[in-house]
Protein backbone atom coordinates (compact mmCIF):
# COMPACT_ATOMS: atom_id res chain seq x y z
CA MET A 1 11.47 -12.85 -8.07
CA THR A 2 7.69 -14.09 -8.86
CA LEU A 3 5.60 -11.08 -8.40
CA SER A 4 6.10 -7.63 -9.81
CA SER A 5 4.02 -5.25 -7.89
CA LEU A 6 1.55 -4.52 -5.89
CA GLY A 7 -1.05 -4.10 -8.57
CA TYR A 8 -5.12 -3.31 -7.61
CA ILE A 9 -6.75 -3.33 -3.99
CA GLY A 10 -10.34 -4.49 -3.16
CA ILE A 11 -12.35 -3.30 -0.31
CA ARG A 12 -15.95 -4.36 0.82
CA SER A 13 -17.95 -1.40 2.69
CA SER A 14 -21.12 -0.01 3.27
CA LYS A 15 -20.55 2.77 3.00
CA THR A 16 -19.26 2.99 -1.14
CA GLU A 17 -20.07 6.75 -1.53
CA ASP A 18 -18.10 7.66 1.28
CA TRP A 19 -15.39 5.81 -0.37
CA SER A 20 -16.50 8.02 -3.77
CA GLY A 21 -15.80 11.46 -1.76
CA PHE A 22 -12.62 10.04 0.06
CA ALA A 23 -11.64 8.95 -2.67
CA THR A 24 -11.38 11.81 -4.78
CA ASN A 25 -11.92 15.00 -3.11
CA LEU A 26 -9.33 13.99 -0.72
CA LEU A 27 -6.68 10.51 -3.08
CA GLY A 28 -7.62 12.49 -5.79
CA MET A 29 -7.88 9.59 -7.48
CA GLN A 30 -11.17 9.35 -10.70
CA GLN A 31 -14.15 7.30 -10.20
CA VAL A 32 -15.01 5.34 -13.12
CA ASP A 33 -18.47 3.86 -13.41
CA ARG A 34 -18.75 0.02 -12.49
CA GLY A 35 -22.69 0.44 -11.14
CA GLY A 36 -24.77 -1.77 -8.85
CA ASN A 37 -22.72 -1.86 -5.20
CA SER A 38 -19.11 -1.49 -6.74
CA ARG A 39 -17.17 1.96 -7.19
CA ALA A 40 -13.49 1.78 -9.01
CA PHE A 41 -10.77 4.72 -9.02
CA ARG A 42 -7.97 4.75 -11.30
CA MET A 43 -4.36 5.65 -10.43
CA ASP A 44 -2.85 5.92 -13.73
CA ASP A 45 -3.20 4.33 -17.12
CA ARG A 46 -4.89 1.26 -15.85
CA LYS A 47 -8.54 0.52 -15.93
CA GLN A 48 -9.11 0.15 -11.78
CA ARG A 49 -7.14 0.28 -9.38
CA LEU A 50 -8.62 0.18 -6.53
CA LEU A 51 -12.26 -1.65 -6.20
CA VAL A 52 -14.82 -1.04 -2.82
CA THR A 53 -17.57 -3.50 -2.89
CA ASP A 54 -20.45 -2.93 -0.69
CA ASP A 55 -21.03 -7.22 -0.02
CA GLY A 56 -19.78 -8.61 2.88
CA GLN A 57 -18.29 -7.64 6.29
CA GLU A 58 -16.45 -4.24 6.57
CA GLY A 59 -12.42 -4.38 5.82
CA LEU A 60 -10.16 -5.60 2.94
CA ASP A 61 -11.95 -8.37 0.63
CA PHE A 62 -8.25 -8.91 -1.70
CA MET A 63 -4.84 -7.80 -2.42
CA GLY A 64 -4.41 -8.28 -6.06
CA TRP A 65 -0.49 -8.76 -7.32
CA GLU A 66 1.34 -8.71 -10.79
CA VAL A 67 3.33 -11.41 -12.19
CA ASP A 68 5.53 -10.27 -15.59
CA HIS A 69 4.17 -13.82 -17.73
CA PRO A 70 1.38 -16.25 -17.79
CA ASP A 71 3.85 -18.80 -16.87
CA GLU A 72 4.64 -18.04 -13.31
CA LEU A 73 0.87 -18.01 -12.38
CA ASP A 74 0.75 -21.90 -12.72
CA ARG A 75 4.40 -21.79 -11.25
CA LEU A 76 3.36 -20.04 -8.24
CA ALA A 77 -0.32 -22.09 -8.34
CA SER A 78 2.10 -24.76 -7.69
CA ARG A 79 5.11 -24.03 -4.97
CA LEU A 80 2.00 -22.91 -2.89
CA GLU A 81 0.37 -26.16 -3.49
CA ASN A 82 3.15 -28.68 -2.79
CA ALA A 83 3.25 -26.47 0.54
CA GLY A 84 -0.27 -26.73 0.99
CA VAL A 85 -2.18 -24.05 0.26
CA ALA A 86 -5.47 -24.90 -1.40
CA VAL A 87 -5.69 -22.66 -4.81
CA ARG A 88 -8.00 -21.85 -7.31
CA VAL A 89 -7.74 -20.55 -10.46
CA GLU A 90 -9.96 -18.85 -11.37
CA THR A 91 -12.57 -17.83 -13.72
CA ALA A 92 -12.61 -15.45 -17.12
CA ALA A 93 -16.06 -13.88 -15.43
CA LEU A 94 -13.89 -13.22 -12.51
CA ALA A 95 -11.00 -11.65 -14.07
CA ASP A 96 -13.43 -9.43 -16.63
CA GLN A 97 -14.42 -7.76 -13.48
CA ARG A 98 -10.67 -7.73 -12.33
CA LEU A 99 -10.03 -6.03 -16.09
CA VAL A 100 -6.75 -8.37 -16.36
CA SER A 101 -6.18 -11.68 -17.94
CA GLN A 102 -5.77 -14.50 -16.09
CA LEU A 103 -5.80 -14.77 -12.18
CA ILE A 104 -5.47 -17.68 -9.56
CA SER A 105 -6.10 -17.05 -5.77
CA PHE A 106 -5.48 -17.90 -2.13
CA ASN A 107 -5.73 -17.02 1.04
CA ASP A 108 -2.66 -16.13 3.24
CA PRO A 109 -2.57 -18.07 7.16
CA ASP A 110 -4.52 -15.62 8.84
CA GLY A 111 -6.89 -15.52 6.22
CA ASN A 112 -6.31 -12.85 3.71
CA HIS A 113 -7.39 -13.42 0.56
CA ILE A 114 -4.90 -12.79 -2.41
CA GLU A 115 -5.65 -12.86 -5.98
CA VAL A 116 -2.06 -12.79 -8.18
CA PHE A 117 -2.74 -11.92 -12.24
CA TRP A 118 -1.49 -11.33 -14.99
CA LYS A 119 -1.73 -8.78 -17.60
CA PRO A 120 -3.92 -6.00 -17.11
CA GLN A 121 -6.31 -3.70 -19.59
CA ILE A 122 -4.91 -0.75 -20.00
CA ALA A 123 -6.97 2.84 -20.52
CA SER A 124 -7.31 4.01 -23.76
CA ASP A 125 -8.06 7.23 -22.21
CA PRO A 126 -5.83 10.11 -20.08
CA PHE A 127 -5.84 9.40 -16.57
CA VAL A 128 -8.16 12.31 -14.71
CA PRO A 129 -7.46 13.42 -11.84
CA ALA A 130 -10.39 14.12 -9.65
CA ARG A 131 -8.89 17.01 -7.54
CA PRO A 132 -5.59 19.00 -9.21
CA ILE A 133 -2.69 16.47 -8.54
CA SER A 134 0.54 16.30 -10.34
CA GLY A 135 -0.36 12.20 -10.64
CA PHE A 136 0.35 9.40 -9.07
CA LYS A 137 4.11 7.36 -8.74
CA THR A 138 3.30 4.37 -10.16
CA GLY A 139 4.55 2.44 -12.73
CA THR A 140 6.79 -0.49 -11.77
CA LEU A 141 6.34 0.39 -8.54
CA GLY A 142 3.24 -0.69 -8.46
CA MET A 143 0.38 1.20 -7.17
CA GLY A 144 2.27 1.71 -4.10
CA HIS A 145 1.63 -0.87 -0.92
CA ALA A 146 0.02 -2.38 2.39
CA VAL A 147 0.17 -3.56 5.71
CA LEU A 148 -1.78 -5.82 7.73
CA HIS A 149 -2.28 -6.33 10.90
CA VAL A 150 -1.12 -9.70 12.06
CA GLU A 151 -1.10 -11.89 14.91
CA ASP A 152 2.26 -13.10 14.83
CA ALA A 153 4.02 -11.84 12.30
CA SER A 154 7.21 -15.11 12.85
CA ALA A 155 4.49 -17.26 11.96
CA LEU A 156 3.58 -15.71 8.43
CA LEU A 157 6.95 -14.75 7.50
CA PRO A 158 7.86 -18.31 5.47
CA PHE A 159 4.78 -17.38 3.97
CA TYR A 160 5.45 -14.41 2.07
CA ARG A 161 9.13 -14.41 2.31
CA ASP A 162 9.50 -18.38 0.74
CA LEU A 163 6.18 -19.03 -1.32
CA LEU A 164 5.52 -15.78 -2.44
CA GLY A 165 8.89 -15.14 -2.94
CA PHE A 166 9.22 -11.55 -0.98
CA SER A 167 12.48 -10.35 0.32
CA VAL A 168 12.97 -8.59 3.79
CA THR A 169 14.14 -4.71 3.15
CA ASP A 170 13.60 -4.44 6.61
CA TYR A 171 12.19 -4.86 10.20
CA GLY A 172 12.18 -4.02 13.93
CA LEU A 173 11.10 -5.18 16.84
CA THR A 174 10.59 -2.96 19.52
CA PRO A 175 7.80 -1.22 20.44
CA PHE A 176 6.83 -4.63 18.03
CA PRO A 177 7.96 -6.42 15.41
CA LEU A 178 6.70 -4.40 12.02
CA TYR A 179 9.15 -6.66 8.98
CA PHE A 180 9.11 -4.62 4.97
CA PHE A 181 9.42 -6.25 2.11
CA HIS A 182 10.24 -5.35 -2.38
CA ILE A 183 9.51 -7.62 -4.78
CA ASN A 184 10.90 -4.05 -7.20
CA GLY A 185 12.75 -0.65 -6.23
CA ARG A 186 9.84 0.41 -4.20
CA HIS A 187 11.47 0.54 -0.63
CA HIS A 188 8.85 -1.77 0.57
CA SER A 189 5.27 -2.88 -1.70
CA PHE A 190 3.87 -4.72 1.89
CA ALA A 191 3.72 -5.64 5.65
CA MET A 192 2.70 -6.39 7.84
CA VAL A 193 2.94 -5.09 11.81
CA GLY A 194 3.17 -8.22 14.63
CA SER A 195 -0.25 -6.33 16.47
CA GLY A 196 -1.96 -9.37 17.63
CA ARG A 197 -4.85 -8.45 15.56
CA LYS A 198 -6.21 -8.85 12.02
CA GLY A 199 -6.82 -6.82 8.96
CA LEU A 200 -5.81 -3.78 6.78
CA HIS A 201 -3.93 -1.27 8.63
CA HIS A 202 -3.20 0.90 5.88
CA PHE A 203 -2.49 1.11 2.53
CA MET A 204 -0.20 3.93 1.35
CA VAL A 205 -0.07 5.71 -2.40
CA GLU A 206 2.90 8.24 -3.37
CA LEU A 207 2.03 11.45 -4.82
CA GLN A 208 4.36 13.03 -7.73
CA SER A 209 4.83 16.10 -5.86
CA LEU A 210 5.27 17.42 -2.14
CA ASP A 211 2.95 20.28 -2.49
CA ASP A 212 0.37 17.57 -3.14
CA VAL A 213 0.52 15.57 -0.27
CA GLY A 214 0.37 19.08 1.83
CA GLN A 215 -2.39 20.12 0.64
CA GLY A 216 -4.27 17.06 1.08
CA TYR A 217 -3.43 17.63 4.08
CA ASP A 218 -5.27 20.70 4.55
CA ILE A 219 -8.17 18.97 2.76
CA ALA A 220 -7.80 16.34 5.29
CA GLN A 221 -7.83 18.76 8.11
CA GLN A 222 -11.72 20.46 6.99
CA GLU A 223 -13.09 16.74 9.03
CA GLU A 224 -12.78 16.37 12.22
CA GLY A 225 -11.41 13.25 12.91
CA ARG A 226 -9.80 12.76 9.06
CA VAL A 227 -6.66 12.56 10.62
CA ALA A 228 -5.01 9.97 11.61
CA TYR A 229 -0.74 10.76 12.35
CA THR A 230 0.30 13.72 11.02
CA LEU A 231 2.63 14.61 8.83
CA GLY A 232 5.72 13.19 9.45
CA ARG A 233 9.06 11.69 7.73
CA HIS A 234 9.57 8.10 8.01
CA SER A 235 12.95 6.26 9.42
CA ASN A 236 13.58 3.45 6.14
CA ASP A 237 12.03 4.54 3.19
CA HIS A 238 12.21 8.25 3.99
CA MET A 239 8.17 9.33 2.81
CA MET A 240 7.10 12.39 3.30
CA SER A 241 3.16 11.09 4.82
CA PHE A 242 0.36 11.74 6.64
CA TYR A 243 -2.63 9.26 7.58
CA ALA A 244 -6.07 9.52 6.56
CA LYS A 245 -8.73 7.30 8.27
CA THR A 246 -10.43 5.95 5.82
CA PRO A 247 -14.63 5.39 5.26
CA SER A 248 -13.85 2.14 6.36
CA GLY A 249 -11.49 2.74 9.62
CA PHE A 250 -8.15 1.22 8.30
CA PHE A 251 -5.89 4.77 7.55
CA VAL A 252 -4.66 5.46 4.02
CA GLU A 253 -1.02 6.99 4.09
CA TYR A 254 -1.04 9.79 1.25
CA GLY A 255 3.00 10.18 1.04
CA TRP A 256 6.01 11.63 -1.02
CA GLY A 257 9.53 11.19 -1.62
CA ALA A 258 10.22 7.59 -0.71
CA ARG A 259 13.70 6.33 -2.04
CA VAL A 260 13.52 3.44 -4.73
CA ILE A 261 15.81 1.04 -3.56
CA GLU A 262 17.84 -1.23 -5.80
CA PRO A 263 16.33 -4.74 -4.71
CA GLU A 264 19.65 -6.92 -6.60
CA THR A 265 21.96 -5.31 -4.23
CA TRP A 266 19.76 -4.87 -0.87
CA GLU A 267 20.80 -6.42 2.10
CA ALA A 268 17.93 -6.45 5.04
CA HIS A 269 19.07 -5.13 8.45
CA GLU A 270 17.59 -4.37 11.78
CA THR A 271 15.96 -0.56 12.69
CA THR A 272 16.13 0.93 15.79
CA ASP A 273 14.86 4.33 14.65
CA GLY A 274 11.40 3.64 15.97
CA PRO A 275 9.09 4.43 12.20
CA SER A 276 9.95 8.03 11.64
CA TYR A 277 11.97 10.45 12.24
CA TRP A 278 9.64 13.19 13.25
CA GLY A 279 6.00 14.01 13.42
CA HIS A 280 3.47 11.41 12.48
CA GLU A 281 1.86 12.08 16.26
CA ARG A 282 -0.35 9.47 16.36
CA VAL A 283 -3.91 11.83 16.72
CA HIS A 284 -6.24 8.92 16.71
CA LEU A 285 -5.26 7.56 20.18
CA PRO A 286 -6.10 9.50 23.74
CA ASP A 287 -2.99 11.53 24.53
CA GLY A 288 -1.36 9.75 27.07
CA ASP A 289 -1.58 6.44 25.25
CA PRO A 290 0.99 3.82 25.37
CA ALA A 291 1.76 3.04 21.95
CA ARG A 292 1.50 6.86 21.86
CA GLU A 293 3.79 7.88 23.97
CA ARG A 294 6.60 5.28 23.31
CA MET A 295 6.54 6.76 19.50
CA ARG A 296 6.59 10.32 20.24
CA GLU A 297 9.91 9.21 23.09
CA MET A 298 11.79 7.33 19.89
CA ARG A 299 11.43 10.49 17.77
CA ILE A 300 12.86 12.63 20.40
CA ASP A 301 15.79 10.32 20.77
CA ALA A 302 15.98 9.73 17.09
CA ALA A 303 16.06 14.16 17.08
CA SER A 304 18.03 13.92 20.08
CA ARG A 305 20.62 11.72 17.91
CA GLY A 306 20.06 14.34 14.90
CA LYS A 307 19.06 11.59 13.07
CA ARG A 308 18.03 12.15 9.50
CA ALA A 309 16.69 11.10 5.93
CA ALA A 310 19.01 12.28 3.01
CA ASP A 311 16.11 14.45 0.09
CA PRO A 312 14.58 12.60 -2.48
CA VAL A 313 16.96 12.73 -5.57
CA PRO A 314 15.19 11.72 -9.49
CA ASN A 315 14.88 8.20 -9.91
CA CYS A 316 13.26 7.44 -13.10
CA ALA A 317 14.32 9.08 -16.25
CA TRP A 318 11.40 8.45 -18.30
CA LEU A 319 9.22 8.60 -15.45
CA ASP A 320 9.85 11.91 -14.93
CA SER A 321 9.71 13.07 -19.21
CA VAL A 322 6.60 11.81 -18.90
CA VAL A 323 5.24 14.20 -16.18
CA ARG A 324 7.50 17.15 -17.74
CA GLN A 325 5.62 16.74 -20.59
CA ASP A 326 2.22 16.89 -18.87
């Protein structure tokens, strides 16, 4: 695999102050001073994971994917250019803004801007969460995952799978096409939903403690309209999570307990149980909305068949040892 993890995400928003409150008070990220119209946030030892800039149309600005060696940038650029994809070798000035050593950029067929980088800057001072949380599950698994709305999922499949090297973890075709992709042990670092739209559906951050998620859920419920999906458990990655509406209108999934897969032995397969075994009621949609009703029907069917996930177990001895030392 060329790409190793999701390194960072950039958001365009005129509501940078609202983002500051959302990312710190609810998510627990640490805001770092960037000045001007930018807001940057830490989740771990990286100098930044989330960048929000008051520049352009509201929504996703870029996804930043990491590689482990600079030669991988050259190989990926050559593969993309041979396939007719325009690739830009970015300047040192932009690399400094992203706090990485080198990067290239290009667009996917839907126009989403993608950056691929090498060697992120590591902070000398420890991560200090903005509210008392046990921390985020990152490391070799990356920042989390990103999910895009796409007009035609099957049309984009060759780009992400064959050109960028994402491996299909699983997919669902009902009630809409959903493809999940892995590049490391995280069940999916990227996914796309064939909703007929374009843009960011959500990004996910995973916490080290279920109580972090539960307390975040309580905080989110204090603000009218902040909860988009209620607390629930996904059927494929087994994440327990809720979804919060961001100041930009898309969602952030705030979760715990997702399983870690073995990429070398994993076999892609179709799922038919629906997105969630329980919960994840789409409260951002009006009651009676066909999509909300269909998701509810699929959860009730899963319950009638006794579908459930295995409870999570520790899966990273090094990370667990670090957490216990804190």
